[in-house]
Amino acid sequence: MQRGICNCVCTLVEKIEVWSCGAFLAFLLALSRVYVGVHYPFDVVSGVLVALIAFLLVR
């Protein structure tokens, strides 16, 4: 029983690490798009909002 609980906690911690790394990389990518001048800040924020809404609907 003890081992099963530990495995669940480790899995949850690993998921949090993966999601935070992914979110950080997405943030850097969005920031680079604005910095390079390819997109306006409003475009990037709109894209992030659309992605979050799609994520919440699919999840």
N, C-alpha and C. Protein backbone atom coordinates (compact mmCIF):
# COMPACT_ATOMS: atom_id res chain seq x y z
N MET A 1 0.82 -1.20 0.00
CA MET A 1 0.00 0.00 0.00
C MET A 1 0.86 1.26 0.00
N GLN A 2 1.88 1.25 0.82
CA GLN A 2 2.76 2.41 0.93
C GLN A 2 3.44 2.71 -0.41
N ARG A 3 3.86 1.66 -1.09
CA ARG A 3 4.56 1.85 -2.34
C ARG A 3 3.66 2.48 -3.41
N GLY A 4 2.40 2.11 -3.45
CA GLY A 4 1.47 2.68 -4.42
C GLY A 4 1.27 4.17 -4.23
N ILE A 5 1.19 4.61 -2.98
CA ILE A 5 1.03 6.04 -2.70
C ILE A 5 2.26 6.81 -3.16
N CYS A 6 3.44 6.25 -2.90
CA CYS A 6 4.69 6.91 -3.31
C CYS A 6 4.75 7.05 -4.82
N ASN A 7 4.35 6.01 -5.53
CA ASN A 7 4.37 6.07 -7.00
C ASN A 7 3.42 7.14 -7.52
N CYS A 8 2.26 7.30 -6.90
CA CYS A 8 1.31 8.33 -7.34
C CYS A 8 1.88 9.72 -7.11
N VAL A 9 2.52 9.93 -5.98
CA VAL A 9 3.08 11.24 -5.66
C VAL A 9 4.22 11.56 -6.62
N CYS A 10 5.06 10.58 -6.89
CA CYS A 10 6.18 10.81 -7.82
C CYS A 10 5.64 11.14 -9.21
N THR A 11 4.61 10.45 -9.62
CA THR A 11 4.03 10.71 -10.92
C THR A 11 3.45 12.12 -10.98
N LEU A 12 2.80 12.55 -9.91
CA LEU A 12 2.23 13.89 -9.87
C LEU A 12 3.33 14.95 -9.92
N VAL A 13 4.41 14.74 -9.18
CA VAL A 13 5.52 15.68 -9.18
C VAL A 13 6.16 15.74 -10.57
N GLU A 14 6.32 14.59 -11.20
CA GLU A 14 6.90 14.58 -12.55
C GLU A 14 6.00 15.31 -13.54
N LYS A 15 4.68 15.13 -13.41
CA LYS A 15 3.75 15.82 -14.31
C LYS A 15 3.85 17.33 -14.13
N ILE A 16 3.95 17.76 -12.88
CA ILE A 16 4.06 19.19 -12.60
C ILE A 16 5.34 19.74 -13.20
N GLU A 17 6.44 19.00 -13.08
CA GLU A 17 7.71 19.45 -13.65
C GLU A 17 7.63 19.56 -15.17
N VAL A 18 7.03 18.58 -15.80
CA VAL A 18 6.92 18.59 -17.27
C VAL A 18 6.03 19.74 -17.73
N TRP A 19 4.88 19.95 -17.06
CA TRP A 19 3.98 21.03 -17.43
C TRP A 19 4.63 22.39 -17.22
N SER A 20 5.38 22.55 -16.10
CA SER A 20 6.02 23.85 -15.88
C SER A 20 7.12 24.12 -16.91
N CYS A 21 7.86 23.09 -17.27
CA CYS A 21 8.89 23.29 -18.31
C CYS A 21 8.24 23.66 -19.64
N GLY A 22 7.15 22.98 -19.98
CA GLY A 22 6.44 23.28 -21.22
C GLY A 22 5.87 24.69 -21.23
N ALA A 23 5.30 25.10 -20.10
CA ALA A 23 4.74 26.46 -20.01
C ALA A 23 5.85 27.50 -20.11
N PHE A 24 6.98 27.22 -19.49
CA PHE A 24 8.11 28.17 -19.56
C PHE A 24 8.63 28.29 -20.99
N LEU A 25 8.75 27.17 -21.69
CA LEU A 25 9.21 27.22 -23.08
C LEU A 25 8.19 27.94 -23.98
N ALA A 26 6.91 27.74 -23.73
CA ALA A 26 5.88 28.44 -24.51
C ALA A 26 5.96 29.94 -24.25
N PHE A 27 6.20 30.32 -22.99
CA PHE A 27 6.35 31.73 -22.65
C PHE A 27 7.56 32.34 -23.36
N LEU A 28 8.68 31.63 -23.36
CA LEU A 28 9.87 32.14 -24.05
C LEU A 28 9.63 32.26 -25.55
N LEU A 29 8.93 31.32 -26.13
CA LEU A 29 8.62 31.38 -27.56
C LEU A 29 7.74 32.58 -27.87
N ALA A 30 6.71 32.80 -27.04
CA ALA A 30 5.83 33.94 -27.24
C ALA A 30 6.59 35.26 -27.09
N LEU A 31 7.46 35.32 -26.11
CA LEU A 31 8.26 36.52 -25.89
C LEU A 31 9.20 36.77 -27.06
N SER A 32 9.77 35.70 -27.60
CA SER A 32 10.69 35.87 -28.73
C SER A 32 9.96 36.36 -29.97
N ARG A 33 8.70 35.94 -30.16
CA ARG A 33 7.92 36.39 -31.32
C ARG A 33 7.71 37.90 -31.28
N VAL A 34 7.48 38.44 -30.08
CA VAL A 34 7.28 39.88 -29.93
C VAL A 34 8.62 40.59 -30.09
N TYR A 35 9.67 40.04 -29.47
CA TYR A 35 10.99 40.67 -29.51
C TYR A 35 11.52 40.78 -30.93
N VAL A 36 11.35 39.73 -31.70
CA VAL A 36 11.85 39.74 -33.08
C VAL A 36 11.01 40.64 -33.97
N GLY A 37 9.77 40.90 -33.54
CA GLY A 37 8.91 41.79 -34.31
C GLY A 37 8.01 41.07 -35.29
N VAL A 38 7.89 39.77 -35.14
CA VAL A 38 7.05 38.99 -36.04
C VAL A 38 5.57 39.18 -35.71
N HIS A 39 5.27 39.36 -34.42
CA HIS A 39 3.89 39.54 -33.98
C HIS A 39 3.79 40.71 -33.02
N TYR A 40 2.60 41.30 -32.97
CA TYR A 40 2.31 42.31 -31.96
C TYR A 40 1.99 41.62 -30.64
N PRO A 41 2.18 42.32 -29.51
CA PRO A 41 1.86 41.70 -28.22
C PRO A 41 0.41 41.22 -28.13
N PHE A 42 -0.52 41.97 -28.71
CA PHE A 42 -1.93 41.57 -28.68
C PHE A 42 -2.15 40.24 -29.39
N ASP A 43 -1.43 40.01 -30.49
CA ASP A 43 -1.53 38.75 -31.22
C ASP A 43 -1.10 37.58 -30.33
N VAL A 44 -0.01 37.78 -29.62
CA VAL A 44 0.52 36.71 -28.77
C VAL A 44 -0.43 36.43 -27.61
N VAL A 45 -0.93 37.48 -26.97
CA VAL A 45 -1.86 37.29 -25.85
C VAL A 45 -3.14 36.63 -26.33
N SER A 46 -3.63 37.02 -27.49
CA SER A 46 -4.83 36.39 -28.04
C SER A 46 -4.61 34.91 -28.31
N GLY A 47 -3.46 34.58 -28.86
CA GLY A 47 -3.12 33.18 -29.12
C GLY A 47 -3.05 32.36 -27.84
N VAL A 48 -2.48 32.95 -26.80
CA VAL A 48 -2.40 32.25 -25.52
C VAL A 48 -3.79 32.02 -24.95
N LEU A 49 -4.67 33.01 -25.04
CA LEU A 49 -6.03 32.85 -24.53
C LEU A 49 -6.80 31.79 -25.31
N VAL A 50 -6.66 31.78 -26.61
CA VAL A 50 -7.34 30.76 -27.43
C VAL A 50 -6.81 29.37 -27.06
N ALA A 51 -5.51 29.25 -26.87
CA ALA A 51 -4.92 27.95 -26.51
C ALA A 51 -5.41 27.49 -25.13
N LEU A 52 -5.52 28.41 -24.18
CA LEU A 52 -6.00 28.04 -22.86
C LEU A 52 -7.45 27.60 -22.88
N ILE A 53 -8.28 28.29 -23.66
CA ILE A 53 -9.68 27.91 -23.77
C ILE A 53 -9.80 26.54 -24.43
N ALA A 54 -9.02 26.31 -25.48
CA ALA A 54 -9.05 25.00 -26.15
C ALA A 54 -8.59 23.90 -25.21
N PHE A 55 -7.56 24.17 -24.42
CA PHE A 55 -7.06 23.20 -23.46
C PHE A 55 -8.13 22.85 -22.42
N LEU A 56 -8.81 23.86 -21.91
CA LEU A 56 -9.83 23.62 -20.90
C LEU A 56 -11.03 22.88 -21.47
N LEU A 57 -11.38 23.12 -22.71
CA LEU A 57 -12.50 22.43 -23.34
C LEU A 57 -12.17 20.96 -23.61
N VAL A 58 -10.95 20.69 -24.04
CA VAL A 58 -10.56 19.32 -24.38
C VAL A 58 -10.30 18.52 -23.12
N ARG A 59 -9.76 19.15 -22.14
CA ARG A 59 -9.39 18.46 -20.90
C ARG A 59 -10.63 17.99 -20.22
